[in-house]
């Protein structure tokens, strides 16, 4: 039986906490600089602290909150002392409860869904609420090597002294195993199949062998893994049946109703706008509702009233893309307009989201403009703006 080993860790530089004399001017953050996108555990630290203070329910080993409090953190609510917890995910409660419960067992969690269904967002907030750290992350790409999941080597030390614990560079997954934390693997299906299968032993045996040292890392209580994947984008690699069996799969659906999608887009645009110091756009909800309507109709292939069938473009037209379109429109209104979000501010963004294939998608878009938008009451300004950017 190989000996167990707890890997050495490297102190990460986070939130500008590194000493002022660390690194070069090119790598140091400006004094007092605010992160462009704070980690979930930093952005919502007050809510997490309030939940922890009032959470008297049983907590699994090394969890910062109880499963009930984790679900409340994601879905929102009001605590007994009046603290308001903002919703991080708008969707069926049972989906969140199943995901949280999975993490409380020895089964890994796979968040599956089409692009733009908040898989990464949910993954980050789950890790933040459970472990207080969402940064133990492996970002899946076509070039992700085994070392990103297992471990690598400091080659200077390896050449000088040979294989040793000091020369070992732990992956985020190895660190999570040794510390009883939650690791994240984003876009699992973009990772080559042979590299994906590196997870099989980790998830089934809860151990990571280090044959070069004749040792292993055994996962301590509290360790688990959240993976995200979709099977509709190009360039994905199917998961082997052996790997799928190691996960409990939770499918995140697209928003069920237009009102739910408008709510999601409004909340995220408001959060992003505040982080970018963009002024709030008065009456912006009307344009948000129009963007969501266009996306849903083209995505579903039928108008909202069900009377007109439509051709769908090649893009996904996800909620995430709607958020991007409205955020860009908000920036246009703030910097080059009168601060009021109008049809002209979102038209170019919608065109870019819909027309991904210049030949086929442009025909779909033009037909939609002329047969639906042109005839819709109250949409004349939107029609003119879209025609102007489409010319």
Protein backbone atom coordinates (compact mmCIF):
# COMPACT_ATOMS: atom_id res chain seq x y z
CA UNK A 1 0.00 0.00 0.00
CA UNK A 2 1.55 3.32 -1.02
CA UNK A 3 2.14 5.87 1.69
CA UNK A 4 -0.18 8.85 1.95
CA UNK A 5 1.11 12.35 1.38
CA UNK A 6 -0.36 15.76 1.79
CA UNK A 7 0.94 17.89 -1.08
CA UNK A 8 2.76 21.12 -0.54
CA UNK A 9 0.73 24.15 -1.44
CA UNK A 10 1.55 27.47 -2.95
CA UNK A 11 0.00 30.53 -1.32
CA UNK A 12 -2.19 32.15 -3.98
CA UNK A 13 -2.14 35.91 -4.53
CA UNK A 14 -5.76 36.93 -4.19
CA UNK A 15 -7.66 40.16 -3.68
CA UNK A 16 -4.53 42.29 -3.73
CA UNK A 17 -3.31 40.74 -0.49
CA UNK A 18 0.27 40.13 -1.65
CA UNK A 19 2.97 42.27 -0.03
CA UNK A 20 3.66 45.53 -1.80
CA UNK A 21 7.18 44.48 -2.76
CA UNK A 22 6.10 41.18 -4.34
CA UNK A 23 6.58 40.83 -8.09
CA UNK A 24 7.27 43.45 -10.71
CA UNK A 25 5.33 46.58 -11.54
CA UNK A 26 3.81 44.72 -14.49
CA UNK A 27 2.30 42.03 -12.26
CA UNK A 28 1.27 44.04 -9.18
CA UNK A 29 -2.26 45.38 -8.79
CA UNK A 30 -2.63 49.11 -8.32
CA UNK A 31 -2.93 50.11 -4.64
CA UNK A 32 -6.56 49.93 -3.59
CA UNK A 33 -7.57 48.49 -6.95
CA UNK A 34 -10.94 46.77 -7.06
CA UNK A 35 -11.18 43.41 -8.81
CA UNK A 36 -13.08 43.61 -12.07
CA UNK A 37 -14.99 40.46 -11.17
CA UNK A 38 -14.67 39.50 -7.50
CA UNK A 39 -14.98 35.85 -6.58
CA UNK A 40 -18.41 34.88 -5.28
CA UNK A 41 -17.13 34.44 -1.71
CA UNK A 42 -15.80 38.01 -1.82
CA UNK A 43 -18.68 39.69 -3.65
CA UNK A 44 -21.28 38.16 -1.32
CA UNK A 45 -19.17 37.90 1.84
CA UNK A 46 -21.76 39.78 3.92
CA UNK A 47 -24.56 37.43 2.94
CA UNK A 48 -22.42 34.35 3.60
CA UNK A 49 -21.42 35.70 7.01
CA UNK A 50 -25.05 36.48 7.91
CA UNK A 51 -26.12 32.98 6.92
CA UNK A 52 -23.29 31.38 8.89
CA UNK A 53 -24.16 33.42 11.99
CA UNK A 54 -27.79 32.29 12.01
CA UNK A 55 -27.35 28.79 10.65
CA UNK A 56 -27.98 26.33 13.48
CA UNK A 57 -28.63 23.27 11.29
CA UNK A 58 -26.23 20.31 10.97
CA UNK A 59 -23.29 20.88 8.64
CA UNK A 60 -21.36 18.16 6.81
CA UNK A 61 -17.65 17.92 7.60
CA UNK A 62 -15.73 21.08 6.65
CA UNK A 63 -18.80 22.80 5.20
CA UNK A 64 -19.13 26.50 6.00
CA UNK A 65 -22.94 26.29 5.91
CA UNK A 66 -25.62 23.65 6.28
CA UNK A 67 -27.25 22.31 3.10
CA UNK A 68 -30.36 24.37 3.93
CA UNK A 69 -28.30 27.56 4.19
CA UNK A 70 -26.46 26.78 0.94
CA UNK A 71 -29.79 26.43 -0.86
CA UNK A 72 -31.02 29.67 0.72
CA UNK A 73 -27.85 31.43 -0.44
CA UNK A 74 -28.48 30.36 -4.04
CA UNK A 75 -32.25 30.84 -4.14
CA UNK A 76 -32.54 33.90 -1.91
CA UNK A 77 -34.71 34.65 1.10
CA UNK A 78 -35.03 36.73 4.24
CA UNK A 79 -33.31 35.64 7.46
CA UNK A 80 -34.93 35.93 10.90
CA UNK A 81 -32.94 39.09 11.64
CA UNK A 82 -34.22 40.74 8.46
CA UNK A 83 -31.11 40.19 6.33
CA UNK A 84 -32.10 39.83 2.69
CA UNK A 85 -30.28 37.13 0.73
CA UNK A 86 -30.36 37.94 -2.97
CA UNK A 87 -31.17 35.11 -5.40
CA UNK A 88 -28.14 33.84 -7.31
CA UNK A 89 -30.15 31.35 -9.35
CA UNK A 90 -33.70 31.77 -10.60
CA UNK A 91 -35.16 28.36 -11.32
CA UNK A 92 -36.82 25.30 -9.78
CA UNK A 93 -35.95 24.92 -6.10
CA UNK A 94 -35.75 21.14 -6.36
CA UNK A 95 -32.82 21.42 -8.82
CA UNK A 96 -30.79 23.37 -6.28
CA UNK A 97 -31.76 21.02 -3.45
CA UNK A 98 -30.66 17.96 -5.44
CA UNK A 99 -27.36 19.63 -6.35
CA UNK A 100 -26.62 20.60 -2.75
CA UNK A 101 -27.60 17.18 -1.44
CA UNK A 102 -25.29 15.51 -3.96
CA UNK A 103 -22.34 17.49 -2.62
CA UNK A 104 -23.18 16.29 0.88
CA UNK A 105 -22.66 12.68 -0.27
CA UNK A 106 -19.60 10.99 -1.79
CA UNK A 107 -20.94 11.49 -5.31
CA UNK A 108 -19.55 14.19 -7.59
CA UNK A 109 -21.94 16.68 -9.20
CA UNK A 110 -22.27 17.22 -12.96
CA UNK A 111 -24.19 20.35 -13.99
CA UNK A 112 -25.40 19.70 -17.53
CA UNK A 113 -27.21 22.07 -19.85
CA UNK A 114 -27.11 24.04 -23.06
CA UNK A 115 -24.81 27.07 -23.17
CA UNK A 116 -26.01 30.01 -21.12
CA UNK A 117 -27.99 28.14 -18.47
CA UNK A 118 -25.84 29.45 -15.59
CA UNK A 119 -23.85 26.25 -15.06
CA UNK A 120 -20.61 28.08 -14.25
CA UNK A 121 -22.46 30.65 -12.14
CA UNK A 122 -24.16 27.95 -10.05
CA UNK A 123 -20.90 25.98 -9.76
CA UNK A 124 -19.03 29.00 -8.43
CA UNK A 125 -21.68 29.90 -5.87
CA UNK A 126 -22.03 26.33 -4.67
CA UNK A 127 -18.27 26.12 -4.04
CA UNK A 128 -18.27 29.52 -2.34
CA UNK A 129 -21.11 28.57 0.00
CA UNK A 130 -19.85 25.07 0.78
CA UNK A 131 -16.09 25.66 1.10
CA UNK A 132 -15.71 29.42 1.22
CA UNK A 133 -13.38 29.20 -1.78
CA UNK A 134 -14.47 28.95 -5.41
CA UNK A 135 -10.96 29.26 -6.88
CA UNK A 136 -9.92 25.59 -6.94
CA UNK A 137 -10.75 25.54 -10.62
CA UNK A 138 -9.69 23.58 -13.69
CA UNK A 139 -10.82 25.28 -16.89
CA UNK A 140 -11.45 22.68 -19.55
CA UNK A 141 -10.17 23.26 -23.07
CA UNK A 142 -9.04 21.10 -25.97
CA UNK A 143 -5.48 21.53 -24.68
CA UNK A 144 -6.05 20.71 -21.00
CA UNK A 145 -3.33 18.21 -19.95
CA UNK A 146 -3.48 15.52 -17.27
CA UNK A 147 -1.29 17.68 -15.05
CA UNK A 148 -4.11 20.19 -14.69
CA UNK A 149 -6.20 17.54 -12.95
CA UNK A 150 -3.50 15.42 -11.25
CA UNK A 151 -0.24 17.28 -10.53
CA UNK A 152 2.79 18.74 -12.26
CA UNK A 153 6.42 19.31 -11.43
CA UNK A 154 8.68 22.24 -10.72
CA UNK A 155 11.24 21.25 -13.33
CA UNK A 156 14.09 23.27 -11.82
CA UNK A 157 13.76 21.34 -8.56
CA UNK A 158 13.05 18.10 -10.38
CA UNK A 159 16.28 18.33 -12.37
CA UNK A 160 18.30 19.46 -9.37
CA UNK A 161 17.04 17.00 -6.76
CA UNK A 162 14.88 14.42 -8.57
CA UNK A 163 11.25 13.59 -7.75
CA UNK A 164 10.30 14.85 -4.31
CA UNK A 165 7.45 16.47 -2.44
CA UNK A 166 9.13 19.85 -2.84
CA UNK A 167 9.22 19.44 -6.62
CA UNK A 168 5.54 18.48 -6.80
CA UNK A 169 3.08 21.14 -8.05
CA UNK A 170 -0.43 20.18 -6.87
CA UNK A 171 -3.43 20.71 -9.14
CA UNK A 172 -6.57 22.40 -7.81
CA UNK A 173 -8.18 18.95 -7.57
CA UNK A 174 -5.26 17.59 -5.52
CA UNK A 175 -5.42 20.57 -3.18
CA UNK A 176 -9.16 20.11 -2.73
CA UNK A 177 -8.64 16.43 -1.88
CA UNK A 178 -5.95 17.18 0.70
CA UNK A 179 -7.83 20.08 2.31
CA UNK A 180 -11.40 18.73 2.19
CA UNK A 181 -12.59 21.42 -0.20
CA UNK A 182 -14.78 21.64 -3.30
CA UNK A 183 -12.97 21.52 -6.64
CA UNK A 184 -14.49 22.71 -9.91
CA UNK A 185 -13.93 21.47 -13.46
CA UNK A 186 -15.46 23.78 -16.04
CA UNK A 187 -16.40 22.60 -19.55
CA UNK A 188 -15.57 18.97 -18.83
CA UNK A 189 -16.66 17.89 -22.31
CA UNK A 190 -14.07 20.16 -23.93
CA UNK A 191 -11.26 18.20 -22.26
CA UNK A 192 -9.85 15.31 -24.35
CA UNK A 193 -11.45 11.98 -23.43
CA UNK A 194 -8.24 10.37 -22.16
CA UNK A 195 -7.65 13.33 -19.83
CA UNK A 196 -11.28 13.26 -18.64
CA UNK A 197 -10.79 9.68 -17.50
CA UNK A 198 -8.08 10.84 -15.11
CA UNK A 199 -11.00 11.67 -12.83
CA UNK A 200 -12.28 8.10 -12.64
CA UNK A 201 -9.88 6.94 -9.91
CA UNK A 202 -10.23 10.21 -8.03
CA UNK A 203 -14.02 9.98 -7.97
CA UNK A 204 -14.36 6.24 -7.36
CA UNK A 205 -11.44 5.51 -5.00
CA UNK A 206 -11.12 9.04 -3.57
CA UNK A 207 -7.37 8.76 -4.00
CA UNK A 208 -4.75 10.19 -6.35
CA UNK A 209 -1.68 7.97 -6.84
CA UNK A 210 1.77 9.57 -7.21
CA UNK A 211 3.75 6.65 -8.69
CA UNK A 212 6.93 8.72 -9.04
CA UNK A 213 7.09 8.94 -5.23
CA UNK A 214 5.40 5.66 -4.38
CA UNK A 215 2.78 7.67 -2.50
CA UNK A 216 -0.81 8.81 -2.85
CA UNK A 217 -3.11 11.62 -1.79
CA UNK A 218 -6.27 10.42 -0.10
CA UNK A 219 -9.26 12.71 -0.08
CA UNK A 220 -10.29 13.88 3.35
CA UNK A 221 -13.90 14.41 4.41
CA UNK A 222 -15.38 17.50 2.84
CA UNK A 223 -13.85 16.91 -0.57
CA UNK A 224 -16.11 16.86 -3.59
CA UNK A 225 -16.08 17.97 -7.18
CA UNK A 226 -18.45 19.98 -9.36
CA UNK A 227 -18.15 19.66 -13.13
CA UNK A 228 -20.04 21.55 -15.83
CA UNK A 229 -20.67 20.33 -19.35
CA UNK A 230 -22.86 20.80 -22.38
CA UNK A 231 -23.38 18.55 -25.37
CA UNK A 232 -24.61 21.08 -27.92
CA UNK A 233 -21.56 23.22 -28.64
CA UNK A 234 -19.09 22.27 -31.31
CA UNK A 235 -15.81 20.73 -30.22
CA UNK A 236 -17.14 18.68 -27.33
CA UNK A 237 -15.95 15.22 -26.32
CA UNK A 238 -18.49 12.70 -25.06
CA UNK A 239 -18.02 11.50 -21.51
CA UNK A 240 -17.27 7.81 -21.16
CA UNK A 241 -19.98 5.74 -19.48
CA UNK A 242 -17.47 4.90 -16.72
CA UNK A 243 -16.98 8.58 -15.93
CA UNK A 244 -20.68 9.45 -16.17
CA UNK A 245 -21.43 6.80 -13.55
CA UNK A 246 -19.21 8.66 -11.08
CA UNK A 247 -21.45 11.72 -11.22
CA UNK A 248 -24.94 12.63 -10.16
CA UNK A 249 -26.19 14.67 -13.11
CA UNK A 250 -28.37 17.72 -12.64
CA UNK A 251 -29.73 19.32 -15.81
CA UNK A 252 -30.11 23.10 -15.67
CA UNK A 253 -32.97 24.12 -17.97
CA UNK A 254 -33.52 27.32 -19.86
CA UNK A 255 -35.88 29.71 -18.03
CA UNK A 256 -39.43 28.38 -18.26
CA UNK A 257 -41.22 31.70 -18.78
CA UNK A 258 -40.40 35.07 -20.34
CA UNK A 259 -40.94 36.71 -16.95
CA UNK A 260 -38.36 34.45 -15.31
CA UNK A 261 -35.82 35.19 -18.04
CA UNK A 262 -36.46 38.94 -17.83
CA UNK A 263 -35.90 38.71 -14.07
CA UNK A 264 -32.60 36.85 -14.53
CA UNK A 265 -31.33 39.30 -17.15
CA UNK A 266 -32.38 42.33 -15.08
CA UNK A 267 -30.63 41.07 -11.95
CA UNK A 268 -27.38 40.19 -13.69
CA UNK A 269 -27.27 43.40 -15.72
CA UNK A 270 -27.78 45.39 -12.53
CA UNK A 271 -24.94 43.50 -10.79
CA UNK A 272 -22.58 43.87 -13.74
CA UNK A 273 -23.51 47.51 -14.24
CA UNK A 274 -22.73 48.34 -10.61
CA UNK A 275 -19.38 46.54 -10.82
CA UNK A 276 -18.51 48.63 -13.89
CA UNK A 277 -19.83 51.85 -12.34
CA UNK A 278 -22.43 52.22 -15.08
CA UNK A 279 -25.42 54.39 -14.19
CA UNK A 280 -28.75 52.63 -13.84
CA UNK A 281 -30.81 53.00 -17.01
CA UNK A 282 -34.30 54.39 -16.35
CA UNK A 283 -37.08 52.30 -17.92
CA UNK A 284 -34.50 49.78 -19.13
CA UNK A 285 -36.90 46.95 -18.32
CA UNK A 286 -38.81 47.60 -21.57
CA UNK A 287 -35.73 47.01 -23.72
CA UNK A 288 -34.74 44.01 -21.63
CA UNK A 289 -38.18 42.53 -22.24
CA UNK A 290 -37.80 43.09 -25.99
CA UNK A 291 -34.36 41.48 -26.10
CA UNK A 292 -35.66 38.46 -24.18
CA UNK A 293 -38.71 38.22 -26.48
CA UNK A 294 -36.55 38.24 -29.62
CA UNK A 295 -34.19 35.62 -28.22
CA UNK A 296 -36.97 33.32 -27.02
CA UNK A 297 -38.96 33.52 -30.26
CA UNK A 298 -35.96 32.79 -32.48
CA UNK A 299 -34.73 30.10 -30.07
CA UNK A 300 -38.14 28.38 -29.93
CA UNK A 301 -38.92 28.80 -33.64
CA UNK A 302 -42.35 30.34 -32.97
CA UNK A 303 -43.72 33.73 -31.91
CA UNK A 304 -44.95 34.26 -28.38
CA UNK A 305 -48.61 34.06 -29.43
CA UNK A 306 -47.95 30.77 -31.23
CA UNK A 307 -49.34 32.05 -34.54
CA UNK A 308 -46.19 32.32 -36.62
CA UNK A 309 -43.54 29.68 -37.09
CA UNK A 310 -39.99 30.96 -37.44
CA UNK A 311 -36.65 29.69 -38.63
CA UNK A 312 -34.04 29.46 -35.88
CA UNK A 313 -30.49 30.78 -36.37
CA UNK A 314 -27.36 28.72 -35.77
CA UNK A 315 -26.50 30.40 -32.45
CA UNK A 316 -27.82 29.36 -29.04
CA UNK A 317 -29.33 32.77 -28.12
CA UNK A 318 -28.87 31.96 -24.47
CA UNK A 319 -29.78 33.98 -21.42
CA UNK A 320 -26.09 34.73 -20.95
CA UNK A 321 -25.97 36.29 -24.42
CA UNK A 322 -29.04 38.38 -23.63
CA UNK A 323 -27.26 39.66 -20.52
CA UNK A 324 -24.26 40.59 -22.66
CA UNK A 325 -26.42 42.42 -25.22
CA UNK A 326 -28.21 44.48 -22.57
CA UNK A 327 -24.99 45.26 -20.65
CA UNK A 328 -23.34 46.52 -23.84
CA UNK A 329 -26.44 48.57 -24.61
CA UNK A 330 -26.32 50.05 -21.12
CA UNK A 331 -22.71 51.11 -21.70
CA UNK A 332 -23.65 52.70 -25.03
CA UNK A 333 -26.50 54.61 -23.40
CA UNK A 334 -24.26 55.81 -20.57
CA UNK A 335 -21.24 56.87 -22.63
CA UNK A 336 -22.71 57.88 -25.99
CA UNK A 337 -26.36 58.61 -25.25
CA UNK A 338 -28.54 60.32 -22.71
CA UNK A 339 -28.36 57.49 -20.18
CA UNK A 340 -31.71 56.03 -21.18
CA UNK A 341 -31.55 52.52 -22.64
CA UNK A 342 -33.22 52.60 -26.05
CA UNK A 343 -33.76 50.29 -29.02
CA UNK A 344 -30.75 51.69 -30.84
CA UNK A 345 -28.48 50.71 -27.94
CA UNK A 346 -29.35 47.01 -28.12
CA UNK A 347 -29.92 46.57 -31.86
CA UNK A 348 -26.29 46.02 -32.83
CA UNK A 349 -25.78 43.55 -30.00
CA UNK A 350 -28.82 41.53 -31.06
CA UNK A 351 -27.59 41.46 -34.66
CA UNK A 352 -24.21 40.14 -33.52
CA UNK A 353 -25.83 37.46 -31.36
CA UNK A 354 -28.26 36.27 -34.04
CA UNK A 355 -26.14 36.45 -37.19
CA UNK A 356 -23.28 34.05 -36.51
CA UNK A 357 -23.36 32.50 -39.99
CA UNK A 358 -23.39 35.53 -42.36
CA UNK A 359 -25.12 33.59 -45.13
CA UNK A 360 -27.84 31.51 -43.43
CA UNK A 361 -28.46 33.55 -40.27
CA UNK A 362 -28.84 36.87 -42.09
CA UNK A 363 -31.76 35.43 -44.07
CA UNK A 364 -33.37 34.20 -40.83
CA UNK A 365 -32.92 37.62 -39.23
CA UNK A 366 -34.30 39.56 -42.19
CA UNK A 367 -37.37 37.34 -42.36
CA UNK A 368 -37.98 37.81 -38.66
CA UNK A 369 -37.66 41.59 -38.93
CA UNK A 370 -40.07 41.88 -41.84
CA UNK A 371 -42.69 39.33 -40.81
CA UNK A 372 -42.75 39.80 -37.02
CA UNK A 373 -41.00 42.94 -35.76
CA UNK A 374 -42.32 45.24 -38.48
CA UNK A 375 -45.95 44.33 -37.75
CA UNK A 376 -45.74 44.33 -33.95
CA UNK A 377 -47.44 47.21 -32.14
CA UNK A 378 -45.07 49.48 -30.24
CA UNK A 379 -41.96 48.07 -31.93
CA UNK A 380 -41.51 50.62 -34.74
CA UNK A 381 -38.46 52.18 -33.06
CA UNK A 382 -36.92 48.76 -32.59
CA UNK A 383 -37.61 47.85 -36.23
CA UNK A 384 -35.97 51.06 -37.50
CA UNK A 385 -32.93 50.58 -35.26
CA UNK A 386 -32.46 46.97 -36.39
CA UNK A 387 -32.88 47.88 -40.05
CA UNK A 388 -30.26 50.61 -39.64
CA UNK A 389 -27.60 48.29 -38.18
CA UNK A 390 -28.52 45.48 -40.60
CA UNK A 391 -28.09 47.63 -43.70
